[in-house]
Amino acid sequence: MSELLDLALRVAARSARFLEDGWARREVVATKSSSTDIVTQMDQGSERLLVDHILAARPDDGIIGEEGSDRAGTTGVRWVIDPLDGTVNYLYGFPSWAVSVGVLVDGKPTYGVVHAPALRTVWHGTAGESAFANERPIRTGHVSELSSALLATGFGYEAGVRAIQGGIVAELLPRVRDIRRAGAAAVDMCWVAQGVLDGYFERGTHLWDRAAAMAICDGAGVRVGGFDGPAADRMTIATNPALFDELHDTLRALGADREYD
């Protein structure tokens, strides 16, 4: 196992324990883009823990984190961390939340760990090689028609954006098997890697939401992209290779690529 992946597993496990131990005393401490885009004291504490342990082991690496950590580094290795993916779920006691630790090597998502303690699942993977859930190898599913696909998605924090996204989902729903909304992008993408879901799409994710899961997905044979190129904040789509083009083209036809946020 790569030294980088081993470190990612260890620091994610420490932060997951911190979040489990603090679940009973969680509370909102701030909001970001809107009143529903929240930060808890546990997000902040988890990020400090991740950064401290990563830099203790690799002081010259770069780091970018959701709660403000940002350093360039000098090694070509950059850690992309979401200390608590699914903060609203965590606040409410809904179990779909995770610590997400991705490692970019020369700008490419190469190693990833998504540790979801309330789901009792740890996903990890190496891009182009392999992916695992609780140390068992995983591969994405084989559904090739959108009409048979179970999909997941997420919504933005602004009410107006959610209204538009809801309209797109309403038009998409009759064309697929069904749609799930669990509220943690990294977990959704890992479920695609595991074959629990056939596909995932979402507008408005950030690099820390998807970097770790992208490496895991790549290791499990998932195709991840956006509109006519790499996955981006504007759109992230993750499916098995046979399903990707149909979902991509359908979302575009429904207007998911237009500017509305």
Protein backbone atom coordinates (compact mmCIF):
# COMPACT_ATOMS: atom_id res chain seq x y z
CA MET A 1 0.00 0.00 0.00
CA SER A 2 1.23 3.48 -0.80
CA GLU A 3 2.64 5.47 2.11
CA LEU A 4 0.26 8.27 1.12
CA LEU A 5 -2.80 6.03 1.16
CA ASP A 6 -1.76 4.52 4.49
CA LEU A 7 -1.46 8.00 6.00
CA ALA A 8 -4.83 9.00 4.53
CA LEU A 9 -6.45 5.97 6.15
CA ARG A 10 -4.90 6.75 9.52
CA VAL A 11 -5.77 10.45 9.64
CA ALA A 12 -9.33 9.81 8.40
CA ALA A 13 -9.83 7.21 11.13
CA ARG A 14 -8.65 9.66 13.81
CA SER A 15 -11.02 12.36 12.62
CA ALA A 16 -13.88 9.87 12.35
CA ARG A 17 -13.34 8.91 16.00
CA PHE A 18 -13.28 12.59 16.95
CA LEU A 19 -16.60 13.15 15.16
CA GLU A 20 -18.20 10.08 16.72
CA ASP A 21 -17.08 11.12 20.19
CA GLY A 22 -18.49 14.62 19.68
CA TRP A 23 -21.78 13.68 18.06
CA ALA A 24 -23.77 14.34 21.24
CA ARG A 25 -22.48 17.92 21.65
CA ARG A 26 -22.72 19.07 18.05
CA GLU A 27 -24.08 22.56 17.41
CA VAL A 28 -24.09 25.15 14.64
CA VAL A 29 -21.38 27.80 14.98
CA ALA A 30 -21.63 29.61 11.65
CA THR A 31 -23.28 29.72 8.24
CA LYS A 32 -21.62 30.14 4.85
CA SER A 33 -23.45 30.71 1.57
CA SER A 34 -26.94 30.69 3.15
CA SER A 35 -28.70 29.96 6.42
CA THR A 36 -28.89 26.27 5.46
CA ASP A 37 -25.15 26.03 4.63
CA ILE A 38 -23.85 25.45 8.14
CA VAL A 39 -20.62 24.85 10.00
CA THR A 40 -20.43 23.05 13.33
CA GLN A 41 -17.61 23.16 15.85
CA MET A 42 -16.94 19.55 14.82
CA ASP A 43 -16.20 20.51 11.17
CA GLN A 44 -13.58 22.92 12.40
CA GLY A 45 -12.10 20.57 14.96
CA SER A 46 -11.94 17.71 12.49
CA GLU A 47 -10.10 19.85 9.94
CA ARG A 48 -7.55 20.99 12.53
CA LEU A 49 -6.94 17.37 13.49
CA LEU A 50 -6.47 16.29 9.87
CA VAL A 51 -4.12 19.14 9.04
CA ASP A 52 -2.01 18.68 12.17
CA HIS A 53 -1.49 14.96 11.59
CA ILE A 54 -0.83 15.30 7.86
CA LEU A 55 1.76 18.03 8.36
CA ALA A 56 3.41 16.16 11.21
CA ALA A 57 4.09 13.33 8.78
CA ARG A 58 4.61 15.34 5.58
CA PRO A 59 5.41 18.98 6.39
CA ASP A 60 6.17 20.03 2.82
CA ASP A 61 2.93 18.83 1.20
CA GLY A 62 0.12 21.13 0.15
CA ILE A 63 -3.34 21.08 1.73
CA ILE A 64 -6.74 22.47 0.82
CA GLY A 65 -9.69 22.02 3.16
CA GLU A 66 -13.33 23.02 3.20
CA GLU A 67 -12.98 25.04 6.39
CA GLY A 68 -10.20 27.27 5.10
CA SER A 69 -6.93 25.34 5.19
CA ASP A 70 -4.86 26.30 2.15
CA ARG A 71 -1.12 25.85 1.57
CA ALA A 72 0.64 25.23 -1.72
CA GLY A 73 3.42 22.87 -0.63
CA THR A 74 6.57 22.01 -2.58
CA THR A 75 6.34 18.25 -3.21
CA GLY A 76 3.70 17.93 -5.93
CA VAL A 77 1.44 16.23 -3.37
CA ARG A 78 -1.67 18.06 -2.18
CA TRP A 79 -4.16 16.79 0.38
CA VAL A 80 -7.78 17.72 -0.33
CA ILE A 81 -9.88 17.27 2.78
CA ASP A 82 -13.51 17.56 3.71
CA PRO A 83 -13.48 17.16 7.50
CA LEU A 84 -17.22 16.46 7.61
CA ASP A 85 -19.03 15.73 4.37
CA GLY A 86 -22.74 15.85 5.17
CA THR A 87 -22.72 18.41 7.99
CA VAL A 88 -26.51 18.83 8.05
CA ASN A 89 -26.91 15.05 8.27
CA TYR A 90 -24.45 14.98 11.16
CA LEU A 91 -26.29 17.77 12.97
CA TYR A 92 -29.63 15.97 12.66
CA GLY A 93 -28.33 12.48 13.43
CA PHE A 94 -28.86 11.18 9.90
CA PRO A 95 -26.12 8.59 9.31
CA SER A 96 -24.90 9.59 5.83
CA TRP A 97 -21.80 11.64 6.69
CA ALA A 98 -18.10 11.03 6.35
CA VAL A 99 -14.53 12.24 6.59
CA SER A 100 -13.11 12.60 3.08
CA VAL A 101 -9.34 12.61 2.48
CA GLY A 102 -8.09 12.83 -1.09
CA VAL A 103 -4.50 12.95 -2.28
CA LEU A 104 -3.63 14.76 -5.49
CA VAL A 105 -0.30 13.88 -7.07
CA ASP A 106 0.74 16.46 -9.66
CA GLY A 107 -2.84 17.72 -9.67
CA LYS A 108 -4.55 14.38 -10.26
CA PRO A 109 -6.79 12.57 -7.70
CA THR A 110 -4.61 9.54 -7.00
CA TYR A 111 -5.55 8.16 -3.57
CA GLY A 112 -8.77 8.51 -1.63
CA VAL A 113 -10.32 7.57 1.69
CA VAL A 114 -13.95 8.16 2.64
CA HIS A 115 -14.58 7.08 6.22
CA ALA A 116 -18.26 6.94 7.20
CA PRO A 117 -18.44 5.79 10.83
CA ALA A 118 -22.23 5.93 11.24
CA LEU A 119 -22.52 3.69 8.16
CA ARG A 120 -19.72 1.44 9.48
CA THR A 121 -17.96 1.72 6.13
CA VAL A 122 -14.50 2.83 5.06
CA TRP A 123 -13.89 3.15 1.33
CA HIS A 124 -10.42 3.57 -0.05
CA GLY A 125 -8.90 3.39 -3.48
CA THR A 126 -6.06 4.09 -5.85
CA ALA A 127 -6.88 5.64 -9.22
CA GLY A 128 -6.42 3.21 -12.09
CA GLU A 129 -5.76 0.27 -9.79
CA SER A 130 -8.29 -0.81 -7.17
CA ALA A 131 -10.94 0.20 -4.67
CA PHE A 132 -12.24 -1.33 -1.46
CA ALA A 133 -15.10 -1.09 1.04
CA ASN A 134 -14.09 -2.39 4.46
CA GLU A 135 -11.09 -4.06 2.79
CA ARG A 136 -13.25 -5.98 0.29
CA PRO A 137 -12.64 -5.21 -3.41
CA ILE A 138 -15.44 -3.30 -5.12
CA ARG A 139 -16.41 -2.63 -8.73
CA THR A 140 -19.09 -0.44 -10.20
CA GLY A 141 -22.29 -1.92 -11.62
CA HIS A 142 -23.21 -2.78 -15.20
CA VAL A 143 -26.59 -1.10 -15.83
CA SER A 144 -26.41 0.29 -19.35
CA GLU A 145 -29.82 1.93 -19.80
CA LEU A 146 -30.97 5.02 -17.97
CA SER A 147 -34.48 3.62 -17.59
CA SER A 148 -33.08 0.88 -15.30
CA ALA A 149 -30.69 3.11 -13.33
CA LEU A 150 -30.91 3.98 -9.64
CA LEU A 151 -29.36 7.44 -9.31
CA ALA A 152 -28.37 9.81 -6.52
CA THR A 153 -28.13 13.57 -6.56
CA GLY A 154 -27.79 16.56 -4.28
CA PHE A 155 -29.08 20.11 -4.16
CA GLY A 156 -27.61 23.56 -3.57
CA TYR A 157 -28.08 25.64 -0.44
CA GLU A 158 -29.82 28.62 -2.05
CA ALA A 159 -33.60 28.25 -2.28
CA GLY A 160 -33.75 29.52 -5.86
CA VAL A 161 -31.08 27.08 -7.01
CA ARG A 162 -32.85 24.18 -5.28
CA ALA A 163 -36.09 25.10 -7.03
CA ILE A 164 -34.43 24.84 -10.45
CA GLN A 165 -32.66 21.62 -9.53
CA GLY A 166 -35.92 20.19 -8.25
CA GLY A 167 -37.55 20.92 -11.59
CA ILE A 168 -34.78 19.08 -13.43
CA VAL A 169 -35.10 16.09 -11.11
CA ALA A 170 -38.88 16.05 -11.59
CA GLU A 171 -38.35 15.75 -15.36
CA LEU A 172 -35.63 13.14 -14.96
CA LEU A 173 -37.52 10.95 -12.49
CA PRO A 174 -39.91 9.28 -14.99
CA ARG A 175 -36.93 8.34 -17.16
CA VAL A 176 -35.01 6.35 -14.51
CA ARG A 177 -35.63 3.54 -12.04
CA ASP A 178 -35.58 5.98 -9.12
CA ILE A 179 -33.57 8.76 -7.48
CA ARG A 180 -32.07 8.92 -3.99
CA ARG A 181 -30.97 11.97 -1.98
CA ALA A 182 -28.71 11.08 0.97
CA GLY A 183 -26.91 14.40 1.39
CA ALA A 184 -23.20 13.53 1.25
CA ALA A 185 -21.51 13.72 -2.15
CA ALA A 186 -18.50 11.58 -1.26
CA VAL A 187 -20.72 8.81 0.11
CA ASP A 188 -22.96 8.90 -2.98
CA MET A 189 -19.95 8.56 -5.28
CA CYS A 190 -18.54 5.68 -3.24
CA TRP A 191 -21.89 3.91 -3.49
CA VAL A 192 -21.58 4.19 -7.27
CA ALA A 193 -18.10 2.66 -6.99
CA GLN A 194 -19.56 -0.14 -4.91
CA GLY A 195 -22.51 -0.80 -7.22
CA VAL A 196 -25.05 0.24 -4.58
CA LEU A 197 -26.07 3.04 -6.96
CA ASP A 198 -25.85 3.08 -10.74
CA GLY A 199 -25.02 6.76 -11.04
CA TYR A 200 -24.67 10.12 -9.35
CA PHE A 201 -24.87 13.70 -10.56
CA GLU A 202 -24.72 17.03 -8.80
CA ARG A 203 -24.13 20.67 -9.56
CA GLY A 204 -22.33 22.76 -6.98
CA THR A 205 -19.84 20.34 -5.44
CA HIS A 206 -16.31 21.51 -4.70
CA LEU A 207 -12.97 19.78 -5.05
CA TRP A 208 -12.95 18.73 -1.39
CA ASP A 209 -16.36 17.09 -1.85
CA ARG A 210 -15.22 14.87 -4.69
CA ALA A 211 -11.42 14.45 -4.77
CA ALA A 212 -11.18 11.38 -2.53
CA ALA A 213 -14.24 9.74 -4.07
CA MET A 214 -12.90 10.39 -7.58
CA ALA A 215 -9.81 8.29 -6.83
CA ILE A 216 -11.98 5.53 -5.34
CA CYS A 217 -14.36 5.65 -8.30
CA ASP A 218 -11.49 5.47 -10.77
CA GLY A 219 -10.12 2.44 -8.98
CA ALA A 220 -13.55 0.77 -9.18
CA GLY A 221 -14.06 1.40 -12.91
CA VAL A 222 -16.40 4.37 -12.60
CA ARG A 223 -16.33 7.10 -15.23
CA VAL A 224 -16.35 10.53 -13.61
CA GLY A 225 -16.73 13.74 -15.59
CA GLY A 226 -18.69 16.91 -16.12
CA PHE A 227 -20.22 18.60 -19.13
CA ASP A 228 -17.80 17.95 -22.01
CA GLY A 229 -14.79 17.51 -19.76
CA PRO A 230 -13.56 16.75 -16.25
CA ALA A 231 -15.78 16.86 -13.19
CA ALA A 232 -16.12 20.42 -11.95
CA ASP A 233 -18.15 22.57 -9.60
CA ARG A 234 -20.57 23.16 -12.47
CA MET A 235 -21.38 19.45 -12.77
CA THR A 236 -20.09 16.12 -11.52
CA ILE A 237 -21.41 12.90 -13.06
CA ALA A 238 -20.26 9.45 -11.92
CA THR A 239 -21.55 6.23 -13.50
CA ASN A 240 -20.28 3.03 -15.01
CA PRO A 241 -18.84 3.71 -18.49
CA ALA A 242 -21.86 2.24 -20.32
CA LEU A 243 -24.32 4.66 -18.68
CA PHE A 244 -22.34 7.89 -18.65
CA ASP A 245 -23.14 9.31 -22.08
CA GLU A 246 -26.88 8.77 -21.80
CA LEU A 247 -27.07 10.46 -18.39
CA HIS A 248 -24.78 13.28 -19.53
CA ASP A 249 -26.86 13.97 -22.65
CA THR A 250 -30.16 13.71 -20.79
CA LEU A 251 -29.08 16.20 -18.14
CA ARG A 252 -27.95 18.60 -20.83
CA ALA A 253 -31.25 18.24 -22.69
CA LEU A 254 -33.09 19.03 -19.45
CA GLY A 255 -31.12 22.26 -19.06
CA ALA A 256 -28.84 21.21 -16.21
CA ASP A 257 -25.92 22.90 -17.97
CA ARG A 258 -27.45 26.35 -18.14
CA GLU A 259 -26.31 29.15 -15.86
CA TYR A 260 -28.62 29.57 -12.89
CA ASP A 261 -26.48 30.06 -9.80
